[in-house]
Protein backbone atom coordinates (compact mmCIF):
# COMPACT_ATOMS: atom_id res chain seq x y z
CA MET A 1 126.19 191.69 167.28
CA VAL A 2 125.88 188.15 168.08
CA SER A 3 129.00 186.10 167.26
CA PRO A 4 128.74 183.18 165.44
CA ALA A 5 129.95 180.86 168.15
CA ILE A 6 127.21 181.91 170.37
CA ALA A 7 124.68 181.41 167.90
CA LEU A 8 125.71 178.06 166.96
CA ALA A 9 125.57 177.15 170.93
CA PHE A 10 121.98 177.93 170.98
CA LEU A 11 121.30 175.95 167.91
CA PRO A 12 120.62 172.58 169.73
CA PHE A 13 118.37 174.42 172.43
CA LEU A 14 116.33 176.16 169.39
CA VAL A 15 115.91 172.79 167.50
CA THR A 16 114.79 171.21 170.44
CA LEU A 17 112.15 173.78 171.35
CA LEU A 18 110.73 173.48 167.72
CA ILE A 19 110.75 169.66 167.81
CA ARG A 20 109.08 169.59 171.31
CA TYR A 21 106.36 172.22 170.31
CA ARG A 22 106.06 171.50 166.68
CA HIS A 23 102.51 170.40 167.02
CA TYR A 24 101.46 173.88 168.71
CA LEU A 25 103.07 175.60 165.84
CA VAL A 26 100.98 173.44 163.35
CA LEU A 27 97.93 174.65 165.18
CA LEU A 28 99.12 178.15 164.83
CA TYR A 29 99.70 178.01 161.35
CA ARG A 30 96.18 175.93 160.63
CA ALA A 31 93.85 177.79 163.04
CA VAL A 32 95.53 181.46 162.89
CA LEU A 33 97.46 182.03 159.95
CA VAL A 34 95.92 180.13 157.12
CA ALA A 35 92.64 181.39 158.12
CA TRP A 36 93.80 184.97 158.36
CA LEU A 37 94.97 184.45 154.93
CA ARG A 38 92.11 182.99 153.34
CA ASP A 39 89.52 185.71 155.10
CA ARG A 40 91.26 187.90 153.15
CA LEU A 41 91.70 186.09 149.94
CA THR A 42 87.85 184.96 149.66
CA GLY A 43 86.05 187.62 151.62
CA THR A 44 84.54 185.02 153.80
CA THR A 45 85.14 183.93 157.24
CA ARG A 46 86.20 180.39 157.59
CA GLU A 47 83.04 179.47 159.61
CA GLN A 48 80.91 180.88 156.47
CA ARG A 49 83.42 178.64 154.43
CA ALA A 50 82.67 175.70 156.35
CA PHE A 51 79.03 176.16 156.17
CA GLN A 52 78.99 176.14 152.41
CA TYR A 53 81.16 172.97 152.52
CA LEU A 54 78.02 171.53 154.70
CA LEU A 55 75.65 172.33 152.14
CA ALA A 56 77.36 170.89 149.08
CA HIS A 57 78.44 167.45 151.37
CA ALA A 58 75.99 166.97 154.31
CA ILE A 59 72.86 165.28 154.02
CA PRO A 60 70.02 167.90 155.27
CA GLY A 61 67.91 166.54 158.46
CA ASP A 62 70.66 163.94 159.30
CA PRO A 63 72.67 165.33 162.61
CA HIS A 64 75.04 162.19 162.64
CA HIS A 65 76.27 163.15 159.08
CA ILE A 66 76.38 167.06 159.58
CA LEU A 67 79.07 166.34 162.37
CA GLN A 68 80.97 163.86 160.13
CA THR A 69 80.98 166.50 157.51
CA PHE A 70 82.32 169.31 159.99
CA ASP A 71 85.11 166.87 161.18
CA GLN A 72 85.96 166.09 157.41
CA TRP A 73 86.54 170.08 156.96
CA CYS A 74 88.47 170.54 160.33
CA TYR A 75 90.78 167.35 159.60
CA HIS A 76 91.59 168.27 155.74
CA CYS A 77 90.55 171.86 155.14
CA GLU A 78 90.38 174.17 158.02
CA HIS A 79 90.85 174.38 161.97
CA LEU A 80 87.46 175.06 163.78
CA SER A 81 87.08 175.22 167.62
CA CYS A 82 84.77 172.78 167.88
CA VAL A 83 84.24 170.00 170.52
CA GLY A 84 85.17 167.30 167.88
CA PRO A 85 84.65 163.79 168.01
CA ALA A 86 86.94 162.25 170.57
CA LYS A 87 85.49 164.80 172.99
CA GLY A 88 82.34 164.84 171.63
CA ARG A 89 81.82 161.11 172.58
CA ILE A 90 82.30 161.89 176.11
CA VAL A 91 79.45 164.48 176.09
CA GLU A 92 77.24 162.12 174.16
CA ARG A 93 77.82 159.51 176.74
CA LEU A 94 76.94 161.55 179.54
CA LEU A 95 74.16 163.41 178.08
CA LEU A 96 72.84 159.65 177.40
CA GLU A 97 73.22 158.64 181.14
CA ARG A 98 71.48 161.83 182.49
CA ALA A 99 68.71 162.29 179.96
CA PRO A 100 68.38 165.96 181.03
CA LEU A 101 65.02 167.95 179.98
CA TRP A 102 66.44 171.39 180.29
CA VAL A 103 70.05 171.95 178.62
CA LEU A 104 72.07 175.11 178.32
CA GLU A 105 74.99 175.70 176.06
CA LEU A 106 77.51 178.78 176.42
CA GLY A 107 79.16 179.24 173.22
CA THR A 108 77.25 177.97 170.39
CA TYR A 109 80.15 179.21 167.94
CA CYS A 110 79.19 177.75 164.42
CA GLY A 111 76.73 175.01 165.68
CA TYR A 112 78.75 171.73 165.93
CA GLY A 113 78.25 171.21 169.72
CA THR A 114 74.46 172.26 169.59
CA VAL A 115 73.89 169.73 167.03
CA LEU A 116 75.97 166.95 169.15
CA LEU A 117 73.61 167.85 171.93
CA ALA A 118 70.12 168.27 170.22
CA GLN A 119 70.73 164.74 168.61
CA GLY A 120 71.29 163.42 172.12
CA LEU A 121 68.10 165.01 173.77
CA PRO A 122 65.51 162.91 175.26
CA PRO A 123 62.05 163.42 173.90
CA GLY A 124 60.61 166.85 175.09
CA ALA A 125 63.91 168.21 175.98
CA ARG A 126 64.80 172.03 175.15
CA LEU A 127 68.19 173.34 174.54
CA TYR A 128 69.15 176.54 174.77
CA THR A 129 72.51 177.69 173.19
CA VAL A 130 74.19 181.22 173.73
CA GLU A 131 76.37 182.97 171.38
CA GLY A 132 77.77 186.19 172.01
CA ASN A 133 79.13 187.02 168.32
CA PRO A 134 76.02 187.69 165.85
CA GLN A 135 78.36 186.26 162.75
CA HIS A 136 78.94 183.18 164.26
CA ALA A 137 75.03 182.82 165.37
CA ALA A 138 74.12 183.40 162.05
CA VAL A 139 76.07 180.36 160.55
CA ALA A 140 75.25 178.54 163.66
CA GLU A 141 71.30 179.11 163.31
CA LYS A 142 71.53 177.74 159.59
CA VAL A 143 73.65 174.79 160.84
CA ILE A 144 70.98 174.20 163.22
CA ARG A 145 68.18 174.10 161.08
CA LEU A 146 70.01 172.32 158.24
CA ALA A 147 70.27 169.51 161.02
CA GLY A 148 66.61 169.41 161.55
CA PHE A 149 66.19 171.04 164.53
CA ASP A 150 63.26 173.77 165.09
CA GLU A 151 62.89 176.40 167.74
CA HIS A 152 60.85 174.35 169.83
CA THR A 153 63.71 171.99 170.32
CA VAL A 154 66.88 174.67 170.15
CA GLU A 155 66.48 178.14 171.10
CA LEU A 156 69.67 180.03 169.98
CA ILE A 157 70.03 183.22 172.14
CA VAL A 158 72.51 185.92 170.81
CA GLY A 159 74.17 188.40 173.10
CA PRO A 160 77.03 188.42 175.89
CA SER A 161 76.47 185.31 178.42
CA GLU A 162 77.07 187.80 181.41
CA GLU A 163 73.99 189.56 180.01
CA VAL A 164 71.74 186.58 178.90
CA ILE A 165 72.43 184.21 182.10
CA PRO A 166 70.46 186.54 184.46
CA GLN A 167 67.46 186.62 181.59
CA LEU A 168 67.05 183.15 181.28
CA ARG A 169 64.27 182.56 183.54
CA GLU A 170 61.88 185.33 182.78
CA LYS A 171 62.89 186.20 179.49
CA HIS A 172 63.17 182.37 178.17
CA GLY A 173 61.63 180.16 180.43
CA LEU A 174 64.59 178.34 181.70
CA MET A 175 63.76 177.66 185.61
CA LYS A 176 66.72 175.62 186.09
CA ALA A 177 69.29 173.64 184.07
CA ASP A 178 69.72 169.80 184.46
CA PHE A 179 72.82 170.15 182.05
CA VAL A 180 75.41 172.52 181.03
CA PHE A 181 78.07 172.61 178.20
CA MET A 182 80.70 175.52 178.42
CA ASP A 183 82.46 175.82 175.46
CA HIS A 184 83.26 179.65 174.79
CA TRP A 185 85.94 182.30 176.20
CA LYS A 186 87.82 179.89 178.96
CA ARG A 187 88.33 183.32 181.08
CA CYS A 188 84.27 183.27 181.43
CA TYR A 189 84.02 179.62 182.77
CA LEU A 190 84.29 180.74 186.16
CA ARG A 191 82.20 183.94 186.28
CA ASP A 192 79.25 182.33 184.28
CA LEU A 193 79.29 179.35 186.45
CA ARG A 194 78.95 181.79 189.56
CA LEU A 195 76.37 183.64 187.81
CA LEU A 196 74.37 180.32 187.28
CA GLU A 197 74.81 179.70 191.09
CA SER A 198 73.46 183.11 192.21
CA HIS A 199 70.59 183.17 189.83
CA GLN A 200 69.53 179.78 191.36
CA LEU A 201 69.71 178.41 187.47
CA LEU A 202 71.06 174.82 188.50
CA ALA A 203 68.82 172.10 189.31
CA GLU A 204 70.54 169.93 192.05
CA GLY A 205 72.34 167.21 190.75
CA ALA A 206 72.92 169.07 187.22
CA THR A 207 75.91 167.78 185.29
CA ILE A 208 78.10 170.80 184.17
CA LEU A 209 80.65 169.78 181.34
CA ALA A 210 83.58 172.40 180.51
CA ASP A 211 85.60 171.97 177.33
CA ASN A 212 89.04 172.92 176.92
CA VAL A 213 89.95 173.10 180.69
CA LEU A 214 93.45 172.16 179.89
CA PHE A 215 94.38 173.39 176.81
CA PRO A 216 94.17 176.88 176.73
CA GLY A 217 93.10 175.90 180.02
CA ALA A 218 90.57 177.51 182.72
CA PRO A 219 92.59 176.93 185.92
CA HIS A 220 90.60 179.54 188.06
CA PHE A 221 87.60 177.49 187.17
CA LEU A 222 89.14 174.38 187.94
CA GLN A 223 90.27 175.36 191.26
CA TYR A 224 86.97 176.98 192.19
CA ALA A 225 84.86 173.67 191.35
CA LYS A 226 87.40 171.44 193.45
CA THR A 227 87.40 173.68 196.40
CA CYS A 228 84.23 175.53 196.85
CA GLY A 229 82.29 172.35 198.01
CA ARG A 230 79.16 172.70 195.52
CA TYR A 231 80.76 170.04 192.96
CA ARG A 232 81.73 167.00 192.69
CA CYS A 233 84.45 167.44 190.05
CA LYS A 234 86.60 165.31 187.78
CA VAL A 235 88.63 165.73 184.43
CA HIS A 236 88.22 163.61 181.33
CA ARG A 237 91.74 163.88 179.65
CA ALA A 238 91.50 163.50 175.83
CA SER A 239 93.26 165.66 173.19
CA LEU A 240 92.57 168.79 171.79
CA GLU A 241 90.06 168.85 168.86
CA TYR A 242 91.63 167.84 165.52
CA PHE A 243 94.99 167.74 167.12
CA ARG A 244 95.82 164.44 168.99
CA ALA A 245 99.08 165.46 169.97
CA ILE A 246 98.15 168.20 171.86
CA PRO A 247 96.51 167.20 175.45
CA ASP A 248 93.52 168.67 176.68
CA GLY A 249 90.41 167.97 178.60
CA VAL A 250 86.63 167.93 179.63
CA ALA A 251 85.67 168.99 183.25
CA GLU A 252 82.72 167.18 184.48
CA LEU A 253 80.71 168.91 187.55
CA ARG A 254 77.93 167.49 189.86
CA TYR A 255 76.15 170.24 191.38
CA THR A 256 75.35 168.77 194.92
CA GLY A 257 73.48 172.33 196.06
CA ALA A 258 74.01 175.68 197.16
CA ARG A 259 76.33 175.97 200.41
C-alpha cells in the first residue's frame, strides 16, 4: 500500500506529465477512444461516416471543396489520419514545381491525399494509388469519383504494397514514377522504397514525399535516405494533421540514381 506522503510526492511529477503531453492525450481520445465508441454505437466506421458527411456538404466534382469539407469534418467531428491542409500545401507546391506525369501514392486511406494529388496533376498525367485495406479502398473509390476523377486519371489498386509494387510495371503499366507520395504504415516506408529501387520504378530525379516522418516517425527510413547516397533529403517541418501543437514533418527525397 502506497503511503499518502509518497503519493503526494509524485503528484507534481504526474501533473507535469499531464501538462506536457496533454495534446497527445487529446489525440488519443479523439483518434482512438471516440472512434471506437462511435463505431460500436452506429455500426459504421469513421471513414464511412466521413463520406456521408461529404455527400451531405461537399460539392460534387469540386476537388478543392471536397478537401475543405474533409478538413471541417476532421477539425469539428472526428479525427482522420489524412495529410491535412498544412502539409497538403507542401505537397501541392512540390507537385506544381515538378509537374510529374507518372505519380504513385502508397496509402490511399479514404482518398484525401489522392484528391489532393489528382487536382494538381498536369494534363495527360496519371496517378496510381495503392491501398491495402479493402474497406478503406471502398470509401476512397467513392471519394475519388465524387471529386470528378475517372479511371483514366486515377487508378486505385487494392492490395498490400509489398505485393503490388513488383507488379506495377507488367500489370498496371507504370514504367517509372516521377513522383511518389508515401502515407501508409510508417514501418513500411523503408521496405517499399527499397522495393521501388530494386524494381527500377524510380525515374532519375524522381521526388519521393513521405508524411509523418517525425510523428509517429520513420527513423530507419530517414537514416537510409540520408546515408545511402541515392537521394538528396530534406525534412519540411510542420505539425500533425489537425493538431497544431504536435510537431511533425514531411520528408522530401530527390532520387539521384542507382549507385
